[in-house]
Amino acid sequence: MAGGWARDGAVQDQIDASVEDAVALARSRLNAGASVAESLTHCEECDNPIPEKRREAIPGIRLCIKCQAEAEKQQLSSGSINRRGSKDSQLR
């Protein structure tokens, strides 16, 4: 049961959307079955060397820390809908 101006099921829709976002982010970070041998020795974006410790810590890594941070920043800024700050959730 939703309250205020929200339709029935709106809260569950927000929960489902949050879970879907988290799963999509986790899947984008994982390389299923990747091993250290499959990690690149150099970043595929800037061609800088990727430290061995990073390759061991994150099997299948393809980006250096700087390029990975930039990719994550772009991914977060591309989300145009802020479901968690919706008007319905602020009215309570």
Protein backbone atom coordinates (compact mmCIF):
# COMPACT_ATOMS: atom_id res chain seq x y z
CA MET A 1 0.00 0.00 0.00
CA ALA A 2 1.46 3.33 -1.06
CA GLY A 3 0.59 6.53 0.72
CA GLY A 4 0.07 10.11 -0.43
CA TRP A 5 0.14 10.61 -4.18
CA ALA A 6 2.09 7.44 -4.90
CA ARG A 7 0.31 4.67 -6.70
CA ASP A 8 0.06 1.19 -5.23
CA GLY A 9 3.32 -0.70 -5.64
CA ALA A 10 5.47 2.43 -6.01
CA VAL A 11 7.64 1.53 -3.03
CA GLN A 12 8.26 -1.96 -4.36
CA ASP A 13 9.12 -0.47 -7.76
CA GLN A 14 11.77 1.70 -6.10
CA ILE A 15 13.19 -1.31 -4.23
CA ASP A 16 13.26 -3.39 -7.42
CA ALA A 17 14.98 -0.59 -9.34
CA SER A 18 17.62 -0.21 -6.60
CA VAL A 19 18.33 -3.94 -6.63
CA GLU A 20 18.54 -3.98 -10.44
CA ASP A 21 21.01 -1.07 -10.34
CA ALA A 22 23.19 -2.84 -7.78
CA VAL A 23 23.16 -6.10 -9.73
CA ALA A 24 24.03 -4.31 -12.99
CA LEU A 25 26.94 -2.54 -11.29
CA ALA A 26 28.22 -5.78 -9.76
CA ARG A 27 27.97 -7.61 -13.09
CA SER A 28 29.85 -4.85 -14.87
CA ARG A 29 32.70 -5.23 -12.36
CA LEU A 30 32.96 -8.98 -12.63
CA ASN A 31 34.63 -10.95 -15.35
CA ALA A 32 33.21 -14.41 -14.93
CA GLY A 33 35.93 -17.04 -14.86
CA ALA A 34 38.73 -14.51 -15.26
CA SER A 35 42.14 -15.42 -13.96
CA VAL A 36 45.34 -13.49 -13.27
CA ALA A 37 46.70 -14.81 -16.57
CA GLU A 38 43.77 -13.13 -18.39
CA SER A 39 44.52 -9.76 -16.79
CA LEU A 40 46.19 -7.25 -19.04
CA THR A 41 49.70 -6.12 -18.14
CA HIS A 42 48.98 -2.68 -19.59
CA CYS A 43 45.81 -0.57 -19.42
CA GLU A 44 43.64 -0.92 -22.51
CA GLU A 45 42.80 2.82 -22.36
CA CYS A 46 46.10 4.62 -21.67
CA ASP A 47 48.63 1.77 -22.13
CA ASN A 48 50.24 2.43 -18.73
CA PRO A 49 51.46 -0.69 -16.91
CA ILE A 50 49.05 -2.29 -14.42
CA PRO A 51 50.87 -3.26 -11.20
CA GLU A 52 51.13 -7.00 -10.54
CA LYS A 53 49.48 -6.66 -7.12
CA ARG A 54 46.42 -5.07 -8.76
CA ARG A 55 46.26 -7.88 -11.33
CA GLU A 56 46.44 -10.46 -8.53
CA ALA A 57 43.80 -8.69 -6.44
CA ILE A 58 41.33 -8.27 -9.32
CA PRO A 59 41.61 -11.15 -11.80
CA GLY A 60 40.71 -10.13 -15.34
CA ILE A 61 41.47 -6.44 -14.74
CA ARG A 62 41.78 -4.40 -17.92
CA LEU A 63 42.18 -0.82 -16.68
CA CYS A 64 44.69 1.01 -14.50
CA ILE A 65 43.41 2.69 -11.33
CA LYS A 66 43.13 6.13 -12.94
CA CYS A 67 41.16 4.89 -15.96
CA GLN A 68 38.96 2.65 -13.76
CA ALA A 69 38.10 5.62 -11.53
CA GLU A 70 37.21 7.71 -14.59
CA ALA A 71 35.03 4.91 -16.01
CA GLU A 72 33.17 4.55 -12.70
CA LYS A 73 32.68 8.32 -12.45
CA GLN A 74 31.15 8.40 -15.95
CA GLN A 75 28.96 5.41 -15.13
CA LEU A 76 27.60 7.09 -12.00
CA SER A 77 27.01 10.43 -13.72
CA SER A 78 25.09 8.80 -16.58
CA GLY A 79 22.19 7.86 -14.29
CA SER A 80 19.61 10.57 -14.89
CA ILE A 81 16.94 9.35 -12.48
CA ASN A 82 17.44 9.63 -8.74
CA ARG A 83 14.92 7.08 -7.50
CA ARG A 84 16.04 7.34 -3.90
CA GLY A 85 15.36 11.08 -3.80
CA SER A 86 11.99 10.97 -5.49
CA LYS A 87 9.26 13.34 -4.42
CA ASP A 88 7.14 10.50 -3.02
CA SER A 89 9.86 9.38 -0.62
CA GLN A 90 10.36 12.95 0.64
CA LEU A 91 6.70 13.47 1.52
CA ARG A 92 6.74 11.04 4.44
